[in-house]
């Protein structure tokens, strides 16, 4: 049974995701309460951290139930992971085709 007295803020989600993010770099893009620099990307920074922070911050406010909010955040990250894996597969395939063509 869900405990509806426990609140899970977007900052809680971002802090949890930041626990194992390289160099805890997600924190650069939120101030503990709200994401920062949401309108432009910082070319000097970690673009993936910026994207993750932006997507989570913009996708989660409509979910107020803590379990639903956490589940939604996990789902978003899993879909992003799958998309990146597919992009890598496409690049690997292209690389193999390229080297095959070079060798022939």
C-alpha atoms as a PDB file:
ATOM      1  CA  UNK A   1       0.000   0.000   0.000  1.00  0.00           C
ATOM      2  CA  UNK A   2       1.405   3.369  -1.034  1.00  0.00           C
ATOM      3  CA  UNK A   3       2.260   5.926   1.610  1.00  0.00           C
ATOM      4  CA  UNK A   4       0.707   9.096   0.230  1.00  0.00           C
ATOM      5  CA  UNK A   5       2.282  11.192   2.989  1.00  0.00           C
ATOM      6  CA  UNK A   6       5.722  10.817   1.424  1.00  0.00           C
ATOM      7  CA  UNK A   7       6.437  13.417  -1.220  1.00  0.00           C
ATOM      8  CA  UNK A   8       8.980  12.962  -3.986  1.00  0.00           C
ATOM      9  CA  UNK A   9      10.084  16.205  -5.587  1.00  0.00           C
ATOM     10  CA  UNK A  10      11.778  16.598  -8.942  1.00  0.00           C
ATOM     11  CA  UNK A  11      14.889  17.582  -6.986  1.00  0.00           C
ATOM     12  CA  UNK A  12      14.694  14.233  -5.137  1.00  0.00           C
ATOM     13  CA  UNK A  13      14.577  12.415  -8.486  1.00  0.00           C
ATOM     14  CA  UNK A  14      17.482  14.439  -9.891  1.00  0.00           C
ATOM     15  CA  UNK A  15      19.541  13.925  -6.716  1.00  0.00           C
ATOM     16  CA  UNK A  16      18.921  10.182  -6.882  1.00  0.00           C
ATOM     17  CA  UNK A  17      19.940  10.060 -10.547  1.00  0.00           C
ATOM     18  CA  UNK A  18      23.005  12.121  -9.716  1.00  0.00           C
ATOM     19  CA  UNK A  19      24.286   9.591  -7.143  1.00  0.00           C
ATOM     20  CA  UNK A  20      26.063   7.523  -9.780  1.00  0.00           C
ATOM     21  CA  UNK A  21      26.307   9.981 -12.663  1.00  0.00           C
ATOM     22  CA  UNK A  22      29.980  10.567 -13.563  1.00  0.00           C
ATOM     23  CA  UNK A  23      31.419  13.262 -11.330  1.00  0.00           C
ATOM     24  CA  UNK A  24      27.874  13.934 -10.056  1.00  0.00           C
ATOM     25  CA  UNK A  25      27.625  16.328 -12.967  1.00  0.00           C
ATOM     26  CA  UNK A  26      23.816  16.460 -13.045  1.00  0.00           C
ATOM     27  CA  UNK A  27      23.995  18.785 -10.043  1.00  0.00           C
ATOM     28  CA  UNK A  28      25.535  21.472 -12.243  1.00  0.00           C
ATOM     29  CA  UNK A  29      22.181  21.812 -13.987  1.00  0.00           C
ATOM     30  CA  UNK A  30      19.862  22.086 -11.004  1.00  0.00           C
ATOM     31  CA  UNK A  31      20.219  24.171  -7.875  1.00  0.00           C
ATOM     32  CA  UNK A  32      18.702  21.619  -5.510  1.00  0.00           C
ATOM     33  CA  UNK A  33      15.154  22.701  -6.217  1.00  0.00           C
ATOM     34  CA  UNK A  34      14.841  23.669  -9.851  1.00  0.00           C
ATOM     35  CA  UNK A  35      16.756  23.003 -13.043  1.00  0.00           C
ATOM     36  CA  UNK A  36      18.930  25.866 -14.187  1.00  0.00           C
ATOM     37  CA  UNK A  37      19.841  27.014 -17.684  1.00  0.00           C
ATOM     38  CA  UNK A  38      16.790  25.406 -19.272  1.00  0.00           C
ATOM     39  CA  UNK A  39      16.645  27.592 -22.376  1.00  0.00           C
ATOM     40  CA  UNK A  40      20.135  27.084 -23.781  1.00  0.00           C
ATOM     41  CA  UNK A  41      22.771  24.411 -23.728  1.00  0.00           C
ATOM     42  CA  UNK A  42      26.149  25.081 -22.187  1.00  0.00           C
ATOM     43  CA  UNK A  43      28.690  24.123 -24.840  1.00  0.00           C
ATOM     44  CA  UNK A  44      31.346  23.925 -22.155  1.00  0.00           C
ATOM     45  CA  UNK A  45      29.467  21.400 -20.069  1.00  0.00           C
ATOM     46  CA  UNK A  46      28.103  17.896 -20.177  1.00  0.00           C
ATOM     47  CA  UNK A  47      25.344  17.970 -22.797  1.00  0.00           C
ATOM     48  CA  UNK A  48      23.962  14.596 -21.682  1.00  0.00           C
ATOM     49  CA  UNK A  49      23.617  15.877 -18.109  1.00  0.00           C
ATOM     50  CA  UNK A  50      21.813  18.930 -19.446  1.00  0.00           C
ATOM     51  CA  UNK A  51      19.449  16.801 -21.539  1.00  0.00           C
ATOM     52  CA  UNK A  52      18.696  14.395 -18.673  1.00  0.00           C
ATOM     53  CA  UNK A  53      17.995  17.246 -16.281  1.00  0.00           C
ATOM     54  CA  UNK A  54      15.833  19.093 -18.791  1.00  0.00           C
ATOM     55  CA  UNK A  55      13.780  16.055 -19.791  1.00  0.00           C
ATOM     56  CA  UNK A  56      13.156  14.897 -16.234  1.00  0.00           C
ATOM     57  CA  UNK A  57      12.296  18.388 -15.017  1.00  0.00           C
ATOM     58  CA  UNK A  58       9.869  18.999 -17.853  1.00  0.00           C
ATOM     59  CA  UNK A  59       8.271  15.540 -17.872  1.00  0.00           C
ATOM     60  CA  UNK A  60       7.593  14.926 -14.194  1.00  0.00           C
ATOM     61  CA  UNK A  61       5.585  17.874 -12.788  1.00  0.00           C
ATOM     62  CA  UNK A  62       2.262  16.440 -13.950  1.00  0.00           C
ATOM     63  CA  UNK A  63       2.825  13.330 -11.828  1.00  0.00           C
ATOM     64  CA  UNK A  64       2.159  14.006  -8.164  1.00  0.00           C
ATOM     65  CA  UNK A  65       1.922  10.438  -6.874  1.00  0.00           C
ATOM     66  CA  UNK A  66       5.421   9.515  -5.637  1.00  0.00           C
ATOM     67  CA  UNK A  67       5.382   5.976  -7.029  1.00  0.00           C
ATOM     68  CA  UNK A  68       4.111   7.173 -10.390  1.00  0.00           C
ATOM     69  CA  UNK A  69       6.707   9.961 -10.509  1.00  0.00           C
ATOM     70  CA  UNK A  70       9.577   7.565  -9.758  1.00  0.00           C
ATOM     71  CA  UNK A  71       8.266   5.010 -12.238  1.00  0.00           C
ATOM     72  CA  UNK A  72       7.910   7.666 -14.926  1.00  0.00           C
ATOM     73  CA  UNK A  73      11.478   8.889 -14.334  1.00  0.00           C
ATOM     74  CA  UNK A  74      12.828   5.345 -14.599  1.00  0.00           C
ATOM     75  CA  UNK A  75      10.846   4.773 -17.781  1.00  0.00           C
ATOM     76  CA  UNK A  76      12.169   7.960 -19.351  1.00  0.00           C
ATOM     77  CA  UNK A  77      15.761   7.002 -18.599  1.00  0.00           C
ATOM     78  CA  UNK A  78      15.262   3.420 -19.809  1.00  0.00           C
ATOM     79  CA  UNK A  79      13.855   4.683 -23.131  1.00  0.00           C
ATOM     80  CA  UNK A  80      16.764   7.082 -23.493  1.00  0.00           C
ATOM     81  CA  UNK A  81      19.197   4.251 -22.774  1.00  0.00           C
ATOM     82  CA  UNK A  82      17.520   2.085 -25.406  1.00  0.00           C
ATOM     83  CA  UNK A  83      17.633   4.902 -27.961  1.00  0.00           C
ATOM     84  CA  UNK A  84      21.350   5.480 -27.334  1.00  0.00           C
ATOM     85  CA  UNK A  85      22.045   1.746 -27.616  1.00  0.00           C
ATOM     86  CA  UNK A  86      20.257   1.655 -30.987  1.00  0.00           C
ATOM     87  CA  UNK A  87      22.226   4.673 -32.200  1.00  0.00           C
ATOM     88  CA  UNK A  88      25.446   2.891 -31.224  1.00  0.00           C
ATOM     89  CA  UNK A  89      24.308  -0.234 -33.094  1.00  0.00           C
ATOM     90  CA  UNK A  90      23.688   1.876 -36.199  1.00  0.00           C
ATOM     91  CA  UNK A  91      27.122   3.443 -35.939  1.00  0.00           C
ATOM     92  CA  UNK A  92      28.735   0.022 -35.419  1.00  0.00           C
ATOM     93  CA  UNK A  93      26.958  -1.286 -38.512  1.00  0.00           C
ATOM     94  CA  UNK A  94      28.078   1.725 -40.540  1.00  0.00           C
ATOM     95  CA  UNK A  95      31.632   1.307 -39.279  1.00  0.00           C
ATOM     96  CA  UNK A  96      31.679  -2.343 -40.358  1.00  0.00           C
ATOM     97  CA  UNK A  97      30.300  -1.422 -43.795  1.00  0.00           C
ATOM     98  CA  UNK A  98      32.893   1.308 -44.144  1.00  0.00           C
ATOM     99  CA  UNK A  99      35.826  -0.933 -43.273  1.00  0.00           C
ATOM    100  CA  UNK A 100      34.492  -3.699 -45.518  1.00  0.00           C
ATOM    101  CA  UNK A 101      34.347  -1.221 -48.400  1.00  0.00           C
ATOM    102  CA  UNK A 102      37.863   0.056 -47.659  1.00  0.00           C
ATOM    103  CA  UNK A 103      39.273  -3.474 -47.611  1.00  0.00           C
ATOM    104  CA  UNK A 104      37.665  -4.407 -50.937  1.00  0.00           C
END
